[in-house]
Protein backbone atom coordinates (compact mmCIF):
# COMPACT_ATOMS: atom_id res chain seq x y z
CA MET A 1 101.11 56.87 53.34
CA ARG A 2 100.54 60.61 53.37
CA THR A 3 96.99 61.70 52.63
CA ARG A 4 96.90 64.22 49.81
CA VAL A 5 94.62 67.26 49.92
CA LYS A 6 92.76 68.85 47.05
CA ILE A 7 90.75 72.00 47.62
CA CYS A 8 88.24 72.70 44.90
CA GLY A 9 86.35 75.74 43.71
CA PHE A 10 88.84 78.58 44.01
CA THR A 11 87.75 81.88 42.50
CA GLN A 12 90.27 84.23 44.12
CA ILE A 13 94.03 84.40 43.49
CA GLU A 14 94.99 85.20 47.07
CA GLU A 15 93.09 82.25 48.51
CA ALA A 16 94.64 79.76 46.08
CA VAL A 17 98.15 81.04 46.80
CA TYR A 18 97.50 80.88 50.54
CA ALA A 19 96.35 77.26 50.26
CA ALA A 20 99.47 76.42 48.27
CA HIS A 21 101.72 77.82 50.97
CA GLN A 22 99.75 75.90 53.62
CA GLY A 23 100.66 72.66 51.85
CA VAL A 24 97.69 71.79 49.65
CA ASP A 25 98.60 69.30 46.90
CA ALA A 26 96.05 70.33 44.29
CA ILE A 27 93.63 73.14 43.58
CA GLY A 28 90.42 72.66 41.64
CA LEU A 29 89.05 75.15 39.15
CA VAL A 30 85.39 74.76 38.24
CA PHE A 31 84.36 75.29 34.62
CA TYR A 32 80.63 74.73 35.08
CA ALA A 33 78.42 77.76 34.56
CA PRO A 34 75.61 76.81 37.02
CA SER A 35 78.11 76.56 39.88
CA PRO A 36 78.71 79.54 42.18
CA ARG A 37 82.38 78.52 41.99
CA ASN A 38 82.55 78.77 38.20
CA VAL A 39 85.57 80.63 36.83
CA THR A 40 86.22 82.19 33.45
CA ILE A 41 89.28 81.30 31.42
CA GLU A 42 90.76 84.68 32.34
CA GLN A 43 90.25 84.06 36.06
CA ALA A 44 91.77 80.59 35.73
CA ILE A 45 94.85 81.95 33.96
CA ASN A 46 95.36 84.58 36.65
CA ILE A 47 95.05 82.03 39.44
CA THR A 48 97.37 79.46 37.88
CA ASN A 49 99.99 82.06 36.97
CA ALA A 50 100.19 83.11 40.63
CA LEU A 51 100.73 79.59 42.02
CA PRO A 52 104.16 78.41 43.18
CA ALA A 53 105.80 75.30 41.74
CA PHE A 54 104.60 71.73 42.35
CA ILE A 55 100.89 72.49 42.81
CA THR A 56 98.63 70.34 40.64
CA VAL A 57 95.87 72.25 38.85
CA VAL A 58 92.67 70.28 38.27
CA ALA A 59 89.94 71.48 35.90
CA LEU A 60 86.42 70.32 36.73
CA PHE A 61 83.82 69.83 34.00
CA VAL A 62 80.26 68.52 34.05
CA ASP A 63 79.05 66.94 30.81
CA GLU A 64 80.88 69.66 28.90
CA THR A 65 81.39 69.77 25.14
CA GLU A 66 84.70 68.63 23.72
CA ALA A 67 85.16 72.02 22.08
CA ARG A 68 84.84 73.89 25.37
CA ILE A 69 87.25 71.54 27.18
CA ARG A 70 89.82 71.93 24.43
CA GLU A 71 89.38 75.71 24.54
CA VAL A 72 90.25 75.68 28.26
CA LEU A 73 93.20 73.34 27.75
CA GLN A 74 94.62 75.55 25.02
CA GLN A 75 94.73 78.58 27.30
CA VAL A 76 95.05 77.38 30.89
CA PRO A 77 97.96 75.23 32.19
CA ILE A 78 95.86 72.32 33.44
CA ASP A 79 97.54 69.22 34.88
CA CYS A 80 94.53 66.98 35.38
CA LEU A 81 90.88 66.84 34.30
CA GLN A 82 88.01 66.01 36.63
CA PHE A 83 84.75 64.81 35.11
CA HIS A 84 81.78 65.27 37.39
CA GLY A 85 78.94 64.32 35.09
CA ASP A 86 77.87 61.22 33.19
CA GLU A 87 80.92 61.12 30.91
CA SER A 88 81.89 57.75 29.49
CA ALA A 89 85.42 56.43 29.92
CA SER A 90 86.12 56.97 26.23
CA ALA A 91 85.02 60.61 26.51
CA CYS A 92 87.35 61.15 29.48
CA ARG A 93 90.48 59.85 27.82
CA ILE A 94 90.45 61.64 24.45
CA TYR A 95 92.37 64.68 25.71
CA GLY A 96 95.63 62.90 26.48
CA LYS A 97 95.52 64.21 30.07
CA ARG A 98 95.37 62.43 33.38
CA TYR A 99 91.78 62.41 34.54
CA ILE A 100 89.71 61.83 37.66
CA LYS A 101 86.19 60.45 37.42
CA ALA A 102 83.78 61.68 40.06
CA VAL A 103 81.14 59.25 41.30
CA ARG A 104 78.03 60.35 43.16
CA MET A 105 77.59 57.55 45.66
CA GLN A 106 74.33 55.70 46.21
CA ALA A 107 73.52 52.37 47.85
CA THR A 108 73.46 50.73 44.41
CA THR A 109 76.80 52.18 43.21
CA ASN A 110 79.26 49.45 42.20
CA VAL A 111 82.68 50.99 42.80
CA VAL A 112 84.55 47.86 41.70
CA GLN A 113 82.74 47.88 38.36
CA LEU A 114 83.57 51.56 37.91
CA THR A 115 87.27 50.92 38.52
CA GLU A 116 87.17 48.47 35.64
CA GLN A 117 85.24 50.86 33.40
CA TYR A 118 87.56 53.81 34.14
CA HIS A 119 90.66 51.65 34.57
CA ASP A 120 93.05 54.30 33.26
CA ALA A 121 91.78 57.07 35.55
CA ALA A 122 94.22 58.71 37.95
CA GLY A 123 91.63 58.18 40.67
CA LEU A 124 87.95 57.88 41.53
CA LEU A 125 86.49 60.79 43.43
CA LEU A 126 83.63 59.56 45.60
CA ASP A 127 81.11 62.26 46.47
CA ALA A 128 77.61 62.51 47.90
CA TYR A 129 74.63 62.01 45.60
CA HIS A 130 72.18 64.85 45.20
CA ALA A 131 69.42 64.72 42.61
CA ASP A 132 69.81 68.34 41.50
CA THR A 133 73.43 69.22 42.28
CA LYS A 134 76.60 67.63 40.93
CA GLY A 135 79.18 68.20 43.63
CA GLY A 136 79.85 70.94 46.15
CA THR A 137 76.73 70.15 48.19
CA GLY A 138 78.44 69.98 51.57
CA GLN A 139 76.70 66.67 52.20
CA SER A 140 78.40 63.42 53.15
CA PHE A 141 77.51 59.83 52.29
CA ASP A 142 77.81 56.45 53.96
CA TRP A 143 81.51 55.59 53.91
CA GLU A 144 80.61 51.93 54.38
CA LEU A 145 79.73 51.93 50.67
CA ILE A 146 83.43 52.25 49.83
CA PRO A 147 85.17 48.89 49.27
CA LYS A 148 88.15 48.15 51.52
CA HIS A 149 90.35 47.39 48.53
CA CYS A 150 90.19 49.31 45.27
CA ALA A 151 92.30 49.10 42.13
CA LEU A 152 92.28 52.89 41.74
CA PRO A 153 93.24 55.63 44.21
CA ILE A 154 90.19 56.80 46.18
CA ILE A 155 89.67 60.54 46.58
CA LEU A 156 87.07 61.11 49.28
CA ALA A 157 84.74 64.10 49.01
CA GLY A 158 81.39 65.19 50.36
CA GLY A 159 80.68 67.02 53.61
CA LEU A 160 84.29 67.21 54.73
CA ASP A 161 85.67 69.96 56.96
CA GLU A 162 88.18 70.41 59.76
CA THR A 163 85.89 68.66 62.25
CA ASN A 164 85.74 65.31 60.45
CA ALA A 165 88.92 65.15 58.34
CA LYS A 166 90.66 62.87 60.87
CA GLN A 167 87.63 60.61 61.12
CA ALA A 168 87.46 60.32 57.33
CA ILE A 169 91.11 59.32 57.04
CA GLN A 170 90.90 56.79 59.85
CA ALA A 171 87.70 55.22 58.49
CA VAL A 172 88.47 55.13 54.77
CA ARG A 173 92.26 55.50 54.44
CA PRO A 174 91.79 57.32 51.12
CA TYR A 175 94.57 58.42 48.81
CA ALA A 176 93.28 62.00 49.13
CA LEU A 177 90.58 64.21 50.61
CA ASP A 178 88.76 66.72 48.42
CA VAL A 179 87.07 69.66 50.13
CA SER A 180 85.22 72.68 48.82
CA SER A 181 82.27 74.08 50.80
CA GLY A 182 83.78 72.83 54.07
CA VAL A 183 86.50 75.50 53.90
CA GLU A 184 84.35 78.39 52.69
CA SER A 185 82.93 81.50 54.31
CA SER A 186 80.42 81.71 51.47
CA ARG A 187 80.01 79.87 48.19
CA GLY A 188 83.10 80.36 46.08
CA ILE A 189 84.95 82.28 48.80
CA LYS A 190 87.47 80.29 50.83
CA ASP A 191 88.02 80.97 54.53
CA VAL A 192 91.80 80.91 55.03
CA SER A 193 91.50 79.92 58.68
CA LYS A 194 89.38 76.90 57.69
CA VAL A 195 91.84 76.01 54.94
CA ALA A 196 94.72 76.04 57.42
CA ALA A 197 92.75 74.07 60.01
CA PHE A 198 91.71 71.42 57.48
CA ILE A 199 95.26 70.82 56.26
CA GLN A 200 96.50 70.75 59.86
CA GLN A 201 93.95 68.08 60.76
CA VAL A 202 94.99 65.93 57.80
CA ASN A 203 98.66 66.24 58.74
CA GLU A 204 97.96 65.39 62.37
CA SER A 205 95.95 62.34 61.37
CA ASP A 206 98.74 61.08 59.15
CA ARG A 207 101.24 61.44 61.99
CA GLU A 208 98.95 59.54 64.35
CA ILE A 209 98.48 56.68 61.88
CA THR A 210 102.21 56.50 61.18
């Protein structure tokens, strides 16, 4: 199975278009004001309008109000929602959109129980836990915490870059990898050479496994 790639936290049109032409499957747009990768609705519209066909656009929210989420959905062509806070399953599904639930992994996290709770999610995104930051920390977590068999697609995040993408795929066999800070030159600014190298490493790993 081919490992999909999502790159999150684009703020610049040119970088998102470059990633699309390199073969990324999905781009993430962050609608979370405290994040250095936060985009306005206007920025999001400009980025999505520039993308070629068949690129999935994912909107990331963190414990956001329903009104704000609906405001974004009314103006930006979003394909999938990503909830990175403490949102309940019922709160995730009211928009009639495919959604991903992010999980900040700890030793006590019960992934199997979460797959039952968010049974209609398009995937579980497993990320590193940080007490003060919800995603985009550049930190990894113990992949041994991930069950070998899961009812939902696993999207692996946290501390990934071109140096460990192959290792991640071989160890976890996830549905997809999600990277943000690992392909940046600075927060919110993607490094196109790192983007290309990351996607190349994923493709090479898939060929080796096949």
